[in-house]
Amino acid sequence: MTGWLTRHPATLTEEEKLHRKAELDRCPDLASAAELTSSFAEMLTTLSGDRLPEWITEAADANLPGISSFATGPNSDFDAVTAGLTTDWNSGPVEGTVNRIKMLKRQMFGRAGFGLLRKRVLLS
């Protein structure tokens, strides 16, 4: 049984739900980590970045080493993280183009100069 902690609870089988509940009941720190992970995932999927300050406070107060250190990260550029969690804009449409150009660059490495690489990128 893998992924019962990181998957959405609605996708778990009944057996996995029982196993998850038993494990979380045995370890309060794990239950806290699961709750914080779930609430952060919900923030990501529902684009509710306005809840980020409360989540950071809750995660820092949990005193769980991995989660507490992760929670301090968004403070370095809080506005950008909040914007990323609230807007539905993403760089998905350009990622395919970037990957294609990188692939062409790797294929051309050491074979020709910039002029030929430019022509190949423009023609592909």
N, C-alpha and C. Protein backbone atom coordinates (compact mmCIF):
# COMPACT_ATOMS: atom_id res chain seq x y z
N MET A 1 0.85 -1.19 0.00
CA MET A 1 0.00 0.00 0.00
C MET A 1 0.88 1.24 0.00
N THR A 2 0.89 1.90 -1.10
CA THR A 2 1.70 3.11 -1.19
C THR A 2 0.82 4.27 -1.59
N GLY A 3 1.23 5.45 -1.21
CA GLY A 3 0.54 6.65 -1.61
C GLY A 3 -0.69 6.99 -0.81
N TRP A 4 -0.97 6.27 0.26
CA TRP A 4 -2.19 6.54 1.03
C TRP A 4 -2.12 7.85 1.78
N LEU A 5 -0.94 8.39 1.91
CA LEU A 5 -0.81 9.67 2.60
C LEU A 5 -0.84 10.84 1.63
N THR A 6 -0.30 10.65 0.44
CA THR A 6 -0.19 11.76 -0.51
C THR A 6 -1.34 11.82 -1.50
N ARG A 7 -2.06 10.73 -1.68
CA ARG A 7 -3.19 10.74 -2.61
C ARG A 7 -4.40 11.39 -1.97
N HIS A 8 -5.29 11.87 -2.81
CA HIS A 8 -6.53 12.45 -2.32
C HIS A 8 -7.34 11.35 -1.63
N PRO A 9 -7.86 11.62 -0.43
CA PRO A 9 -8.59 10.59 0.30
C PRO A 9 -9.75 9.97 -0.47
N ALA A 10 -10.36 10.71 -1.36
CA ALA A 10 -11.49 10.18 -2.13
C ALA A 10 -11.07 9.09 -3.10
N THR A 11 -9.78 9.03 -3.45
CA THR A 11 -9.31 8.03 -4.41
C THR A 11 -8.84 6.75 -3.74
N LEU A 12 -8.85 6.70 -2.41
CA LEU A 12 -8.39 5.52 -1.69
C LEU A 12 -9.47 4.44 -1.65
N THR A 13 -9.04 3.19 -1.65
CA THR A 13 -9.98 2.09 -1.47
C THR A 13 -10.37 2.02 0.01
N GLU A 14 -11.37 1.25 0.31
CA GLU A 14 -11.81 1.14 1.70
C GLU A 14 -10.69 0.58 2.58
N GLU A 15 -9.97 -0.40 2.07
CA GLU A 15 -8.85 -0.98 2.83
C GLU A 15 -7.77 0.06 3.09
N GLU A 16 -7.46 0.86 2.07
CA GLU A 16 -6.44 1.90 2.24
C GLU A 16 -6.91 2.97 3.21
N LYS A 17 -8.19 3.29 3.18
CA LYS A 17 -8.73 4.28 4.13
C LYS A 17 -8.59 3.78 5.57
N LEU A 18 -8.89 2.51 5.79
CA LEU A 18 -8.75 1.94 7.13
C LEU A 18 -7.30 1.92 7.58
N HIS A 19 -6.40 1.55 6.67
CA HIS A 19 -4.97 1.54 6.98
C HIS A 19 -4.48 2.95 7.30
N ARG A 20 -4.91 3.91 6.49
CA ARG A 20 -4.51 5.31 6.71
C ARG A 20 -5.00 5.80 8.07
N LYS A 21 -6.24 5.53 8.40
CA LYS A 21 -6.80 5.97 9.67
C LYS A 21 -6.06 5.33 10.85
N ALA A 22 -5.75 4.04 10.73
CA ALA A 22 -5.03 3.34 11.81
C ALA A 22 -3.64 3.94 12.01
N GLU A 23 -2.95 4.22 10.93
CA GLU A 23 -1.60 4.79 11.04
C GLU A 23 -1.65 6.21 11.62
N LEU A 24 -2.59 7.01 11.16
CA LEU A 24 -2.69 8.39 11.65
C LEU A 24 -3.12 8.43 13.11
N ASP A 25 -3.95 7.47 13.53
CA ASP A 25 -4.34 7.42 14.94
C ASP A 25 -3.16 7.06 15.85
N ARG A 26 -2.24 6.25 15.32
CA ARG A 26 -1.07 5.84 16.10
C ARG A 26 -0.02 6.92 16.26
N CYS A 27 0.05 7.82 15.30
CA CYS A 27 1.13 8.81 15.31
C CYS A 27 0.55 10.22 15.10
N PRO A 28 0.45 11.00 16.18
CA PRO A 28 -0.12 12.35 16.05
C PRO A 28 0.70 13.26 15.12
N ASP A 29 2.03 13.10 15.11
CA ASP A 29 2.85 13.93 14.22
C ASP A 29 2.54 13.63 12.76
N LEU A 30 2.36 12.35 12.46
CA LEU A 30 2.01 11.97 11.09
C LEU A 30 0.63 12.50 10.71
N ALA A 31 -0.28 12.47 11.67
CA ALA A 31 -1.63 13.00 11.42
C ALA A 31 -1.57 14.50 11.15
N SER A 32 -0.74 15.19 11.91
CA SER A 32 -0.56 16.63 11.69
C SER A 32 0.06 16.90 10.33
N ALA A 33 1.08 16.11 9.96
CA ALA A 33 1.71 16.27 8.65
C ALA A 33 0.71 16.00 7.53
N ALA A 34 -0.11 14.98 7.70
CA ALA A 34 -1.12 14.65 6.68
C ALA A 34 -2.12 15.78 6.52
N GLU A 35 -2.54 16.35 7.63
CA GLU A 35 -3.51 17.45 7.58
C GLU A 35 -2.91 18.68 6.90
N LEU A 36 -1.67 19.01 7.25
CA LEU A 36 -1.01 20.17 6.63
C LEU A 36 -0.78 19.94 5.14
N THR A 37 -0.37 18.74 4.79
CA THR A 37 -0.16 18.41 3.38
C THR A 37 -1.47 18.51 2.61
N SER A 38 -2.51 17.98 3.18
CA SER A 38 -3.82 18.02 2.54
C SER A 38 -4.33 19.44 2.37
N SER A 39 -4.16 20.27 3.40
CA SER A 39 -4.65 21.65 3.29
C SER A 39 -3.83 22.45 2.28
N PHE A 40 -2.52 22.16 2.17
CA PHE A 40 -1.71 22.85 1.17
C PHE A 40 -2.12 22.41 -0.24
N ALA A 41 -2.35 21.11 -0.41
CA ALA A 41 -2.80 20.60 -1.71
C ALA A 41 -4.14 21.20 -2.11
N GLU A 42 -5.01 21.38 -1.13
CA GLU A 42 -6.30 22.00 -1.42
C GLU A 42 -6.12 23.45 -1.85
N MET A 43 -5.17 24.15 -1.20
CA MET A 43 -4.87 25.53 -1.61
C MET A 43 -4.40 25.57 -3.06
N LEU A 44 -3.57 24.59 -3.44
CA LEU A 44 -3.07 24.54 -4.81
C LEU A 44 -4.18 24.28 -5.82
N THR A 45 -5.03 23.32 -5.51
CA THR A 45 -6.03 22.92 -6.49
C THR A 45 -7.22 23.86 -6.57
N THR A 46 -7.53 24.57 -5.49
CA THR A 46 -8.67 25.48 -5.52
C THR A 46 -8.26 26.93 -5.73
N LEU A 47 -6.97 27.16 -5.94
CA LEU A 47 -6.43 28.51 -6.14
C LEU A 47 -6.86 29.46 -5.03
N SER A 48 -6.68 29.03 -3.79
CA SER A 48 -7.06 29.86 -2.65
C SER A 48 -5.81 30.27 -1.87
N GLY A 49 -4.93 30.99 -2.55
CA GLY A 49 -3.69 31.47 -1.95
C GLY A 49 -3.89 32.49 -0.85
N ASP A 50 -5.09 33.04 -0.71
CA ASP A 50 -5.35 33.99 0.36
C ASP A 50 -5.26 33.32 1.73
N ARG A 51 -5.31 31.98 1.76
CA ARG A 51 -5.17 31.25 3.03
C ARG A 51 -3.72 30.94 3.39
N LEU A 52 -2.78 31.36 2.55
CA LEU A 52 -1.36 31.03 2.76
C LEU A 52 -0.81 31.53 4.09
N PRO A 53 -1.08 32.76 4.53
CA PRO A 53 -0.51 33.20 5.82
C PRO A 53 -0.95 32.31 6.99
N GLU A 54 -2.21 31.91 7.01
CA GLU A 54 -2.69 31.04 8.08
C GLU A 54 -2.01 29.67 8.00
N TRP A 55 -1.82 29.17 6.77
CA TRP A 55 -1.18 27.87 6.61
C TRP A 55 0.27 27.93 7.08
N ILE A 56 0.97 29.00 6.74
CA ILE A 56 2.37 29.15 7.17
C ILE A 56 2.46 29.16 8.69
N THR A 57 1.58 29.90 9.34
CA THR A 57 1.58 29.96 10.80
C THR A 57 1.29 28.58 11.40
N GLU A 58 0.31 27.91 10.85
CA GLU A 58 -0.06 26.58 11.35
C GLU A 58 1.08 25.58 11.14
N ALA A 59 1.74 25.64 9.99
CA ALA A 59 2.84 24.72 9.69
C ALA A 59 4.05 25.00 10.58
N ALA A 60 4.34 26.28 10.83
CA ALA A 60 5.47 26.62 11.70
C ALA A 60 5.19 26.19 13.14
N ASP A 61 3.96 26.33 13.58
CA ASP A 61 3.59 25.94 14.94
C ASP A 61 3.59 24.43 15.13
N ALA A 62 3.50 23.66 14.07
CA ALA A 62 3.45 22.20 14.17
C ALA A 62 4.78 21.60 14.61
N ASN A 63 5.87 22.34 14.43
CA ASN A 63 7.21 21.86 14.81
C ASN A 63 7.57 20.53 14.16
N LEU A 64 7.17 20.34 12.93
CA LEU A 64 7.57 19.17 12.15
C LEU A 64 8.70 19.63 11.25
N PRO A 65 9.91 19.05 11.39
CA PRO A 65 11.10 19.59 10.70
C PRO A 65 10.92 19.86 9.21
N GLY A 66 10.44 18.90 8.44
CA GLY A 66 10.31 19.10 7.00
C GLY A 66 9.27 20.13 6.63
N ILE A 67 8.14 20.07 7.28
CA ILE A 67 7.05 20.98 6.96
C ILE A 67 7.34 22.39 7.47
N SER A 68 7.93 22.50 8.65
CA SER A 68 8.25 23.83 9.19
C SER A 68 9.27 24.53 8.32
N SER A 69 10.28 23.79 7.85
CA SER A 69 11.28 24.43 6.99
C SER A 69 10.68 24.77 5.62
N PHE A 70 9.77 23.92 5.11
CA PHE A 70 9.08 24.24 3.86
C PHE A 70 8.23 25.49 4.01
N ALA A 71 7.62 25.65 5.16
CA ALA A 71 6.72 26.79 5.39
C ALA A 71 7.47 28.12 5.44
N THR A 72 8.76 28.10 5.76
CA THR A 72 9.52 29.36 5.80
C THR A 72 9.90 29.82 4.39
N GLY A 73 9.91 28.91 3.42
CA GLY A 73 10.30 29.25 2.06
C GLY A 73 9.46 30.32 1.39
N PRO A 74 8.13 30.24 1.45
CA PRO A 74 7.30 31.25 0.76
C PRO A 74 7.52 32.67 1.27
N ASN A 75 8.05 32.85 2.46
CA ASN A 75 8.27 34.19 2.98
C ASN A 75 9.34 34.96 2.20
N SER A 76 10.24 34.24 1.51
CA SER A 76 11.29 34.92 0.77
C SER A 76 10.74 35.73 -0.40
N ASP A 77 9.65 35.28 -0.99
CA ASP A 77 8.99 36.03 -2.07
C ASP A 77 7.48 35.80 -1.95
N PHE A 78 6.94 36.30 -0.87
CA PHE A 78 5.56 36.03 -0.49
C PHE A 78 4.55 36.42 -1.56
N ASP A 79 4.75 37.59 -2.16
CA ASP A 79 3.79 38.07 -3.17
C ASP A 79 3.75 37.14 -4.39
N ALA A 80 4.91 36.67 -4.82
CA ALA A 80 4.95 35.78 -5.98
C ALA A 80 4.30 34.44 -5.66
N VAL A 81 4.54 33.91 -4.48
CA VAL A 81 3.94 32.63 -4.10
C VAL A 81 2.42 32.77 -3.99
N THR A 82 1.97 33.85 -3.40
CA THR A 82 0.53 34.09 -3.29
C THR A 82 -0.10 34.22 -4.67
N ALA A 83 0.56 34.92 -5.57
CA ALA A 83 0.04 35.06 -6.93
C ALA A 83 -0.01 33.70 -7.62
N GLY A 84 1.01 32.87 -7.41
CA GLY A 84 1.02 31.54 -8.00
C GLY A 84 -0.09 30.65 -7.47
N LEU A 85 -0.48 30.88 -6.23
CA LEU A 85 -1.54 30.07 -5.63
C LEU A 85 -2.93 30.63 -5.88
N THR A 86 -3.04 31.82 -6.45
CA THR A 86 -4.37 32.41 -6.64
C THR A 86 -4.75 32.60 -8.11
N THR A 87 -3.79 32.74 -8.99
CA THR A 87 -4.13 32.95 -10.40
C THR A 87 -4.11 31.63 -11.16
N ASP A 88 -4.87 31.56 -12.22
CA ASP A 88 -4.89 30.33 -13.01
C ASP A 88 -3.93 30.40 -14.20
N TRP A 89 -3.06 31.40 -14.21
CA TRP A 89 -2.07 31.50 -15.27
C TRP A 89 -0.97 30.50 -15.00
N ASN A 90 -0.42 29.92 -16.07
CA ASN A 90 0.73 29.04 -15.91
C ASN A 90 1.56 29.06 -17.18
N SER A 91 2.72 28.48 -17.10
CA SER A 91 3.63 28.48 -18.24
C SER A 91 3.51 27.20 -19.06
N GLY A 92 2.46 26.44 -18.84
CA GLY A 92 2.26 25.18 -19.55
C GLY A 92 2.34 25.28 -21.05
N PRO A 93 1.69 26.26 -21.68
CA PRO A 93 1.73 26.32 -23.14
C PRO A 93 3.12 26.49 -23.74
N VAL A 94 4.03 27.13 -23.03
CA VAL A 94 5.37 27.35 -23.59
C VAL A 94 6.33 26.24 -23.23
N GLU A 95 5.99 25.39 -22.25
CA GLU A 95 6.92 24.35 -21.83
C GLU A 95 7.24 23.38 -22.96
N GLY A 96 6.27 23.04 -23.77
CA GLY A 96 6.53 22.13 -24.88
C GLY A 96 7.52 22.73 -25.87
N THR A 97 7.37 24.01 -26.14
CA THR A 97 8.29 24.68 -27.06
C THR A 97 9.70 24.74 -26.48
N VAL A 98 9.80 25.06 -25.21
CA VAL A 98 11.11 25.12 -24.55
C VAL A 98 11.79 23.76 -24.59
N ASN A 99 11.04 22.70 -24.29
CA ASN A 99 11.61 21.35 -24.31
C ASN A 99 12.04 20.95 -25.71
N ARG A 100 11.26 21.34 -26.72
CA ARG A 100 11.63 21.02 -28.11
C ARG A 100 12.92 21.71 -28.50
N ILE A 101 13.06 22.98 -28.13
CA ILE A 101 14.27 23.73 -28.46
C ILE A 101 15.48 23.13 -27.73
N LYS A 102 15.31 22.75 -26.47
CA LYS A 102 16.42 22.14 -25.73
C LYS A 102 16.84 20.82 -26.37
N MET A 103 15.86 20.04 -26.83
CA MET A 103 16.17 18.78 -27.48
C MET A 103 16.96 19.01 -28.76
N LEU A 104 16.53 19.99 -29.55
CA LEU A 104 17.26 20.31 -30.78
C LEU A 104 18.67 20.79 -30.46
N LYS A 105 18.82 21.59 -29.43
CA LYS A 105 20.14 22.09 -29.03
C LYS A 105 21.05 20.92 -28.63
N ARG A 106 20.49 19.96 -27.87
CA ARG A 106 21.30 18.80 -27.47
C ARG A 106 21.71 17.97 -28.70
N GLN A 107 20.79 17.81 -29.64
CA GLN A 107 21.11 17.04 -30.84
C GLN A 107 22.19 17.73 -31.68
N MET A 108 22.22 19.05 -31.66
CA MET A 108 23.16 19.80 -32.49
C MET A 108 24.48 20.07 -31.79
N PHE A 109 24.61 19.72 -30.51
CA PHE A 109 25.79 20.07 -29.73
C PHE A 109 27.06 19.57 -30.42
N GLY A 110 27.98 20.49 -30.66
CA GLY A 110 29.28 20.17 -31.24
C GLY A 110 29.27 19.90 -32.73
N ARG A 111 28.16 20.02 -33.38
CA ARG A 111 28.08 19.69 -34.81
C ARG A 111 28.10 20.90 -35.72
N ALA A 112 27.49 21.98 -35.26
CA ALA A 112 27.40 23.14 -36.14
C ALA A 112 27.26 24.39 -35.28
N GLY A 113 27.30 25.51 -35.92
CA GLY A 113 27.22 26.77 -35.21
C GLY A 113 25.78 27.22 -34.97
N PHE A 114 25.68 28.44 -34.46
CA PHE A 114 24.39 28.99 -34.09
C PHE A 114 23.48 29.17 -35.30
N GLY A 115 24.05 29.51 -36.45
CA GLY A 115 23.24 29.74 -37.65
C GLY A 115 22.43 28.53 -38.04
N LEU A 116 23.07 27.35 -38.06
CA LEU A 116 22.35 26.14 -38.42
C LEU A 116 21.33 25.76 -37.35
N LEU A 117 21.69 25.94 -36.08
CA LEU A 117 20.75 25.66 -34.99
C LEU A 117 19.51 26.55 -35.13
N ARG A 118 19.74 27.83 -35.44
CA ARG A 118 18.63 28.77 -35.61
C ARG A 118 17.71 28.32 -36.74
N LYS A 119 18.28 27.92 -37.86
CA LYS A 119 17.47 27.46 -39.01
C LYS A 119 16.67 26.22 -38.63
N ARG A 120 17.31 25.31 -37.92
CA ARG A 120 16.61 24.08 -37.54
C ARG A 120 15.44 24.36 -36.59
N VAL A 121 15.66 25.28 -35.66
CA VAL A 121 14.58 25.64 -34.72
C VAL A 121 13.43 26.30 -35.47
N LEU A 122 13.76 27.19 -36.40
CA LEU A 122 12.71 27.90 -37.14
C LEU A 122 11.94 26.97 -38.10
N LEU A 123 12.62 25.97 -38.63
CA LEU A 123 11.97 25.08 -39.60
C LEU A 123 11.25 23.92 -38.94
N SER A 124 11.52 23.67 -37.68
CA SER A 124 10.86 22.50 -37.05
C SER A 124 9.54 22.87 -36.43
